[in-house]
Each structure stands twice: as structure tokens, then as C-alpha cells.
Amino acid sequence: MLTIQDMHDSIAGAIERAKKSQNTADLSELQQLAGYLMRPAHLNDDKDTEYRFRVLAASAANTREAILRQRGDDE
């Protein structure tokens, strides 16, 4: 059975792989996924888990924006 830690680690690893491959589409999807996982944590007043997924979502978004700036794109 997957744990919250497993999901967190999987998303964090996927963000790193997308960063290395400069895959902005994957980063966008990973940002959304982390955002979706924040919601149940919020509804259950689990601030630590909510924060952890918020940080992942922000990391994916910031990485995507940095790649787009390097390319000169406005996707």
C-alpha cells in the first residue's frame, strides 16, 4: 500500500526527472497532482502534509517557469 511518504517521494523524483529532461508538460501535470493531494490533507486539518504537497507544487511550478524563461517561451 502506498503511503503519503511514498507519494511525496515519487512526485519529488518525477519533478527532478522532468527538470533534467526540461519537460515542461510533465512539470505542469506534477504541479496539478501535488495540488490535488493538498486538498484531502487540508480537509482533514493535516497542515504538515498539506504544506509538503504545497512545496512540491511550488517546486514544479517554479522549475517550469525557469525552463520557459531560459527558452524565451511564454507557454
PDB file of N, CA and C in Angstrom:
ATOM      1  N   MET A   1       0.845  -1.179   0.000  1.00  0.00           N
ATOM      2  CA  MET A   1       0.000   0.000   0.000  1.00  0.00           C
ATOM      3  C   MET A   1       0.892   1.244   0.000  1.00  0.00           C
ATOM      4  N   LEU A   2       0.536   2.192  -0.831  1.00  0.00           N
ATOM      5  CA  LEU A   2       1.283   3.446  -0.884  1.00  0.00           C
ATOM      6  C   LEU A   2       1.009   4.291   0.352  1.00  0.00           C
ATOM      7  N   THR A   3       2.043   4.911   0.839  1.00  0.00           N
ATOM      8  CA  THR A   3       1.894   5.842   1.951  1.00  0.00           C
ATOM      9  C   THR A   3       2.011   7.268   1.420  1.00  0.00           C
ATOM     10  N   ILE A   4       1.695   8.222   2.263  1.00  0.00           N
ATOM     11  CA  ILE A   4       1.863   9.631   1.888  1.00  0.00           C
ATOM     12  C   ILE A   4       3.325   9.892   1.549  1.00  0.00           C
ATOM     13  N   GLN A   5       4.225   9.301   2.327  1.00  0.00           N
ATOM     14  CA  GLN A   5       5.659   9.473   2.066  1.00  0.00           C
ATOM     15  C   GLN A   5       6.033   8.918   0.697  1.00  0.00           C
ATOM     16  N   ASP A   6       5.485   7.752   0.352  1.00  0.00           N
ATOM     17  CA  ASP A   6       5.752   7.163  -0.967  1.00  0.00           C
ATOM     18  C   ASP A   6       5.289   8.093  -2.084  1.00  0.00           C
ATOM     19  N   MET A   7       4.093   8.651  -1.941  1.00  0.00           N
ATOM     20  CA  MET A   7       3.568   9.561  -2.965  1.00  0.00           C
ATOM     21  C   MET A   7       4.429  10.813  -3.061  1.00  0.00           C
ATOM     22  N   HIS A   8       4.810  11.355  -1.910  1.00  0.00           N
ATOM     23  CA  HIS A   8       5.656  12.544  -1.885  1.00  0.00           C
ATOM     24  C   HIS A   8       6.982  12.268  -2.592  1.00  0.00           C
ATOM     25  N   ASP A   9       7.618  11.163  -2.233  1.00  0.00           N
ATOM     26  CA  ASP A   9       8.910  10.824  -2.827  1.00  0.00           C
ATOM     27  C   ASP A   9       8.796  10.581  -4.329  1.00  0.00           C
ATOM     28  N   SER A  10       7.721   9.950  -4.745  1.00  0.00           N
ATOM     29  CA  SER A  10       7.506   9.673  -6.162  1.00  0.00           C
ATOM     30  C   SER A  10       7.355  10.966  -6.953  1.00  0.00           C
ATOM     31  N   ILE A  11       6.579  11.890  -6.428  1.00  0.00           N
ATOM     32  CA  ILE A  11       6.380  13.176  -7.115  1.00  0.00           C
ATOM     33  C   ILE A  11       7.677  13.973  -7.126  1.00  0.00           C
ATOM     34  N   ALA A  12       8.393  13.992  -5.996  1.00  0.00           N
ATOM     35  CA  ALA A  12       9.665  14.721  -5.931  1.00  0.00           C
ATOM     36  C   ALA A  12      10.656  14.159  -6.949  1.00  0.00           C
ATOM     37  N   GLY A  13      10.718  12.838  -7.061  1.00  0.00           N
ATOM     38  CA  GLY A  13      11.604  12.218  -8.049  1.00  0.00           C
ATOM     39  C   GLY A  13      11.194  12.547  -9.472  1.00  0.00           C
ATOM     40  N   ALA A  14       9.896  12.544  -9.717  1.00  0.00           N
ATOM     41  CA  ALA A  14       9.393  12.868 -11.053  1.00  0.00           C
ATOM     42  C   ALA A  14       9.695  14.322 -11.413  1.00  0.00           C
ATOM     43  N   ILE A  15       9.629  15.213 -10.440  1.00  0.00           N
ATOM     44  CA  ILE A  15       9.974  16.621 -10.684  1.00  0.00           C
ATOM     45  C   ILE A  15      11.442  16.725 -11.083  1.00  0.00           C
ATOM     46  N   GLU A  16      12.308  16.006 -10.382  1.00  0.00           N
ATOM     47  CA  GLU A  16      13.736  16.036 -10.717  1.00  0.00           C
ATOM     48  C   GLU A  16      13.991  15.490 -12.125  1.00  0.00           C
ATOM     49  N   ARG A  17      13.326  14.405 -12.476  1.00  0.00           N
ATOM     50  CA  ARG A  17      13.495  13.838 -13.824  1.00  0.00           C
ATOM     51  C   ARG A  17      12.983  14.808 -14.893  1.00  0.00           C
ATOM     52  N   ALA A  18      11.847  15.442 -14.633  1.00  0.00           N
ATOM     53  CA  ALA A  18      11.294  16.409 -15.590  1.00  0.00           C
ATOM     54  C   ALA A  18      12.211  17.622 -15.719  1.00  0.00           C
ATOM     55  N   LYS A  19      12.822  18.016 -14.616  1.00  0.00           N
ATOM     56  CA  LYS A  19      13.760  19.140 -14.643  1.00  0.00           C
ATOM     57  C   LYS A  19      14.969  18.794 -15.510  1.00  0.00           C
ATOM     58  N   LYS A  20      15.520  17.602 -15.312  1.00  0.00           N
ATOM     59  CA  LYS A  20      16.693  17.191 -16.089  1.00  0.00           C
ATOM     60  C   LYS A  20      16.382  17.089 -17.576  1.00  0.00           C
ATOM     61  N   SER A  21      15.178  16.631 -17.897  1.00  0.00           N
ATOM     62  CA  SER A  21      14.801  16.478 -19.308  1.00  0.00           C
ATOM     63  C   SER A  21      14.143  17.733 -19.878  1.00  0.00           C
ATOM     64  N   GLN A  22      13.985  18.767 -19.026  1.00  0.00           N
ATOM     65  CA  GLN A  22      13.382  20.041 -19.451  1.00  0.00           C
ATOM     66  C   GLN A  22      11.950  19.844 -19.951  1.00  0.00           C
ATOM     67  N   ASN A  23      11.209  18.934 -19.331  1.00  0.00           N
ATOM     68  CA  ASN A  23       9.860  18.582 -19.770  1.00  0.00           C
ATOM     69  C   ASN A  23       8.827  19.443 -19.034  1.00  0.00           C
ATOM     70  N   THR A  24       8.441  20.544 -19.656  1.00  0.00           N
ATOM     71  CA  THR A  24       7.514  21.476 -19.011  1.00  0.00           C
ATOM     72  C   THR A  24       6.097  20.917 -18.904  1.00  0.00           C
ATOM     73  N   ALA A  25       5.704  20.060 -19.829  1.00  0.00           N
ATOM     74  CA  ALA A  25       4.365  19.458 -19.757  1.00  0.00           C
ATOM     75  C   ALA A  25       4.254  18.564 -18.523  1.00  0.00           C
ATOM     76  N   ASP A  26       5.279  17.756 -18.278  1.00  0.00           N
ATOM     77  CA  ASP A  26       5.271  16.910 -17.079  1.00  0.00           C
ATOM     78  C   ASP A  26       5.273  17.761 -15.814  1.00  0.00           C
ATOM     79  N   LEU A  27       6.038  18.836 -15.817  1.00  0.00           N
ATOM     80  CA  LEU A  27       6.084  19.700 -14.635  1.00  0.00           C
ATOM     81  C   LEU A  27       4.719  20.312 -14.347  1.00  0.00           C
ATOM     82  N   SER A  28       4.015  20.697 -15.387  1.00  0.00           N
ATOM     83  CA  SER A  28       2.669  21.239 -15.210  1.00  0.00           C
ATOM     84  C   SER A  28       1.738  20.192 -14.601  1.00  0.00           C
ATOM     85  N   GLU A  29       1.812  18.967 -15.111  1.00  0.00           N
ATOM     86  CA  GLU A  29       0.970  17.890 -14.577  1.00  0.00           C
ATOM     87  C   GLU A  29       1.340  17.556 -13.133  1.00  0.00           C
ATOM     88  N   LEU A  30       2.626  17.570 -12.827  1.00  0.00           N
ATOM     89  CA  LEU A  30       3.065  17.272 -11.460  1.00  0.00           C
ATOM     90  C   LEU A  30       2.630  18.371 -10.491  1.00  0.00           C
ATOM     91  N   GLN A  31       2.640  19.610 -10.959  1.00  0.00           N
ATOM     92  CA  GLN A  31       2.143  20.710 -10.136  1.00  0.00           C
ATOM     93  C   GLN A  31       0.676  20.483  -9.791  1.00  0.00           C
ATOM     94  N   GLN A  32      -0.112  20.123 -10.792  1.00  0.00           N
ATOM     95  CA  GLN A  32      -1.534  19.867 -10.563  1.00  0.00           C
ATOM     96  C   GLN A  32      -1.738  18.682  -9.627  1.00  0.00           C
ATOM     97  N   LEU A  33      -0.969  17.623  -9.829  1.00  0.00           N
ATOM     98  CA  LEU A  33      -1.095  16.438  -8.982  1.00  0.00           C
ATOM     99  C   LEU A  33      -0.814  16.775  -7.523  1.00  0.00           C
ATOM    100  N   ALA A  34       0.260  17.492  -7.272  1.00  0.00           N
ATOM    101  CA  ALA A  34       0.580  17.874  -5.898  1.00  0.00           C
ATOM    102  C   ALA A  34      -0.526  18.757  -5.323  1.00  0.00           C
ATOM    103  N   GLY A  35      -1.079  19.626  -6.151  1.00  0.00           N
ATOM    104  CA  GLY A  35      -2.189  20.466  -5.703  1.00  0.00           C
ATOM    105  C   GLY A  35      -3.414  19.658  -5.334  1.00  0.00           C
ATOM    106  N   TYR A  36      -3.706  18.635  -6.135  1.00  0.00           N
ATOM    107  CA  TYR A  36      -4.854  17.770  -5.826  1.00  0.00           C
ATOM    108  C   TYR A  36      -4.649  17.040  -4.503  1.00  0.00           C
ATOM    109  N   LEU A  37      -3.426  16.638  -4.226  1.00  0.00           N
ATOM    110  CA  LEU A  37      -3.152  15.903  -2.991  1.00  0.00           C
ATOM    111  C   LEU A  37      -3.159  16.810  -1.756  1.00  0.00           C
ATOM    112  N   MET A  38      -3.026  18.102  -1.970  1.00  0.00           N
ATOM    113  CA  MET A  38      -3.127  19.048  -0.854  1.00  0.00           C
ATOM    114  C   MET A  38      -4.542  19.082  -0.288  1.00  0.00           C
ATOM    115  N   ARG A  39      -5.530  18.945  -1.152  1.00  0.00           N
ATOM    116  CA  ARG A  39      -6.933  19.122  -0.756  1.00  0.00           C
ATOM    117  C   ARG A  39      -7.379  18.170   0.355  1.00  0.00           C
ATOM    118  N   PRO A  40      -7.190  16.851   0.232  1.00  0.00           N
ATOM    119  CA  PRO A  40      -7.628  15.980   1.325  1.00  0.00           C
ATOM    120  C   PRO A  40      -6.879  16.261   2.626  1.00  0.00           C
ATOM    121  N   ALA A  41      -5.610  16.636   2.512  1.00  0.00           N
ATOM    122  CA  ALA A  41      -4.861  16.978   3.722  1.00  0.00           C
ATOM    123  C   ALA A  41      -5.485  18.202   4.387  1.00  0.00           C
ATOM    124  N   HIS A  42      -5.833  19.189   3.580  1.00  0.00           N
ATOM    125  CA  HIS A  42      -6.467  20.394   4.108  1.00  0.00           C
ATOM    126  C   HIS A  42      -7.807  20.067   4.774  1.00  0.00           C
ATOM    127  N   LEU A  43      -8.606  19.252   4.105  1.00  0.00           N
ATOM    128  CA  LEU A  43      -9.928  18.909   4.642  1.00  0.00           C
ATOM    129  C   LEU A  43      -9.839  18.118   5.944  1.00  0.00           C
ATOM    130  N   ASN A  44      -8.712  17.430   6.148  1.00  0.00           N
ATOM    131  CA  ASN A  44      -8.512  16.669   7.383  1.00  0.00           C
ATOM    132  C   ASN A  44      -7.635  17.413   8.386  1.00  0.00           C
ATOM    133  N   ASP A  45      -7.409  18.689   8.127  1.00  0.00           N
ATOM    134  CA  ASP A  45      -6.627  19.559   9.005  1.00  0.00           C
ATOM    135  C   ASP A  45      -5.227  19.005   9.272  1.00  0.00           C
ATOM    136  N   ASP A  46      -4.650  18.372   8.253  1.00  0.00           N
ATOM    137  CA  ASP A  46      -3.288  17.849   8.338  1.00  0.00           C
ATOM    138  C   ASP A  46      -2.367  18.881   7.699  1.00  0.00           C
ATOM    139  N   LYS A  47      -1.991  19.868   8.484  1.00  0.00           N
ATOM    140  CA  LYS A  47      -1.231  21.001   7.963  1.00  0.00           C
ATOM    141  C   LYS A  47       0.155  20.598   7.454  1.00  0.00           C
ATOM    142  N   ASP A  48       0.779  19.630   8.115  1.00  0.00           N
ATOM    143  CA  ASP A  48       2.108  19.187   7.694  1.00  0.00           C
ATOM    144  C   ASP A  48       2.064  18.574   6.294  1.00  0.00           C
ATOM    145  N   THR A  49       1.132  17.665   6.071  1.00  0.00           N
ATOM    146  CA  THR A  49       1.016  17.025   4.762  1.00  0.00           C
ATOM    147  C   THR A  49       0.598  18.035   3.701  1.00  0.00           C
ATOM    148  N   GLU A  50      -0.333  18.899   4.048  1.00  0.00           N
ATOM    149  CA  GLU A  50      -0.758  19.939   3.103  1.00  0.00           C
ATOM    150  C   GLU A  50       0.437  20.789   2.689  1.00  0.00           C
ATOM    151  N   TYR A  51       1.257  21.190   3.642  1.00  0.00           N
ATOM    152  CA  TYR A  51       2.429  22.012   3.366  1.00  0.00           C
ATOM    153  C   TYR A  51       3.429  21.268   2.475  1.00  0.00           C
ATOM    154  N   ARG A  52       3.651  19.994   2.765  1.00  0.00           N
ATOM    155  CA  ARG A  52       4.611  19.211   1.986  1.00  0.00           C
ATOM    156  C   ARG A  52       4.210  19.152   0.512  1.00  0.00           C
ATOM    157  N   PHE A  53       2.912  18.955   0.247  1.00  0.00           N
ATOM    158  CA  PHE A  53       2.462  18.905  -1.144  1.00  0.00           C
ATOM    159  C   PHE A  53       2.411  20.299  -1.763  1.00  0.00           C
ATOM    160  N   ARG A  54       2.179  21.327  -0.958  1.00  0.00           N
ATOM    161  CA  ARG A  54       2.219  22.700  -1.468  1.00  0.00           C
ATOM    162  C   ARG A  54       3.635  23.036  -1.933  1.00  0.00           C
ATOM    163  N   VAL A  55       4.622  22.609  -1.154  1.00  0.00           N
ATOM    164  CA  VAL A  55       6.017  22.849  -1.526  1.00  0.00           C
ATOM    165  C   VAL A  55       6.353  22.137  -2.837  1.00  0.00           C
ATOM    166  N   LEU A  56       5.876  20.898  -2.993  1.00  0.00           N
ATOM    167  CA  LEU A  56       6.109  20.177  -4.250  1.00  0.00           C
ATOM    168  C   LEU A  56       5.450  20.890  -5.426  1.00  0.00           C
ATOM    169  N   ALA A  57       4.221  21.351  -5.242  1.00  0.00           N
ATOM    170  CA  ALA A  57       3.516  22.063  -6.312  1.00  0.00           C
ATOM    171  C   ALA A  57       4.284  23.327  -6.698  1.00  0.00           C
ATOM    172  N   ALA A  58       4.761  24.051  -5.702  1.00  0.00           N
ATOM    173  CA  ALA A  58       5.521  25.273  -5.970  1.00  0.00           C
ATOM    174  C   ALA A  58       6.840  24.954  -6.665  1.00  0.00           C
ATOM    175  N   SER A  59       7.483  23.884  -6.255  1.00  0.00           N
ATOM    176  CA  SER A  59       8.739  23.478  -6.880  1.00  0.00           C
ATOM    177  C   SER A  59       8.536  23.166  -8.357  1.00  0.00           C
ATOM    178  N   ALA A  60       7.493  22.417  -8.668  1.00  0.00           N
ATOM    179  CA  ALA A  60       7.200  22.090 -10.068  1.00  0.00           C
ATOM    180  C   ALA A  60       6.901  23.356 -10.866  1.00  0.00           C
ATOM    181  N   ALA A  61       6.107  24.253 -10.293  1.00  0.00           N
ATOM    182  CA  ALA A  61       5.747  25.495 -10.988  1.00  0.00           C
ATOM    183  C   ALA A  61       6.973  26.378 -11.209  1.00  0.00           C
ATOM    184  N   ASN A  62       7.783  26.538 -10.180  1.00  0.00           N
ATOM    185  CA  ASN A  62       8.968  27.389 -10.294  1.00  0.00           C
ATOM    186  C   ASN A  62       9.974  26.819 -11.289  1.00  0.00           C
ATOM    187  N   THR A  63      10.138  25.510 -11.275  1.00  0.00           N
ATOM    188  CA  THR A  63      11.053  24.864 -12.217  1.00  0.00           C
ATOM    189  C   THR A  63      10.563  25.057 -13.642  1.00  0.00           C
ATOM    190  N   ARG A  64       9.275  24.871 -13.853  1.00  0.00           N
ATOM    191  CA  ARG A  64       8.689  25.050 -15.188  1.00  0.00           C
ATOM    192  C   ARG A  64       8.894  26.485 -15.679  1.00  0.00           C
ATOM    193  N   GLU A  65       8.629  27.451 -14.805  1.00  0.00           N
ATOM    194  CA  GLU A  65       8.794  28.853 -15.186  1.00  0.00           C
ATOM    195  C   GLU A  65      10.246  29.174 -15.526  1.00  0.00           C
ATOM    196  N   ALA A  66      11.179  28.607 -14.768  1.00  0.00           N
ATOM    197  CA  ALA A  66      12.598  28.851 -15.036  1.00  0.00           C
ATOM    198  C   ALA A  66      13.005  28.282 -16.394  1.00  0.00           C
ATOM    199  N   ILE A  67      12.519  27.098 -16.716  1.00  0.00           N
ATOM    200  CA  ILE A  67      12.820  26.489 -18.017  1.00  0.00           C
ATOM    201  C   ILE A  67      12.245  27.346 -19.139  1.00  0.00           C
ATOM    202  N   LEU A  68      11.015  27.794 -18.972  1.00  0.00           N
ATOM    203  CA  LEU A  68      10.382  28.619 -20.010  1.00  0.00           C
ATOM    204  C   LEU A  68      11.116  29.945 -20.187  1.00  0.00           C
ATOM    205  N   ARG A  69      11.590  30.538 -19.094  1.00  0.00           N
ATOM    206  CA  ARG A  69      12.358  31.784 -19.194  1.00  0.00           C
ATOM    207  C   ARG A  69      13.657  31.553 -19.965  1.00  0.00           C
ATOM    208  N   GLN A  70      14.313  30.420 -19.687  1.00  0.00           N
ATOM    209  CA  GLN A  70      15.557  30.102 -20.397  1.00  0.00           C
ATOM    210  C   GLN A  70      15.310  29.959 -21.890  1.00  0.00           C
ATOM    211  N   ARG A  71      14.199  29.365 -22.228  1.00  0.00           N
ATOM    212  CA  ARG A  71      13.857  29.144 -23.640  1.00  0.00           C
ATOM    213  C   ARG A  71      13.335  30.412 -24.301  1.00  0.00           C
ATOM    214  N   GLY A  72      12.845  31.335 -23.482  1.00  0.00           N
ATOM    215  CA  GLY A  72      12.219  32.528 -24.028  1.00  0.00           C
ATOM    216  C   GLY A  72      10.787  32.299 -24.442  1.00  0.00           C
ATOM    217  N   ASP A  73      10.166  31.233 -23.908  1.00  0.00           N
ATOM    218  CA  ASP A  73       8.771  30.896 -24.224  1.00  0.00           C
ATOM    219  C   ASP A  73       7.831  31.536 -23.215  1.00  0.00           C
ATOM    220  N   ASP A  74       6.585  31.653 -23.622  1.00  0.00           N
ATOM    221  CA  ASP A  74       5.538  32.140 -22.726  1.00  0.00           C
ATOM    222  C   ASP A  74       4.401  31.140 -22.636  1.00  0.00           C
ATOM    223  N   GLU A  75       4.717  29.855 -22.677  1.00  0.00           N
ATOM    224  CA  GLU A  75       3.673  28.812 -22.655  1.00  0.00           C
ATOM    225  C   GLU A  75       2.808  28.923 -21.428  1.00  0.00           C
TER     226      GLU A  75
END
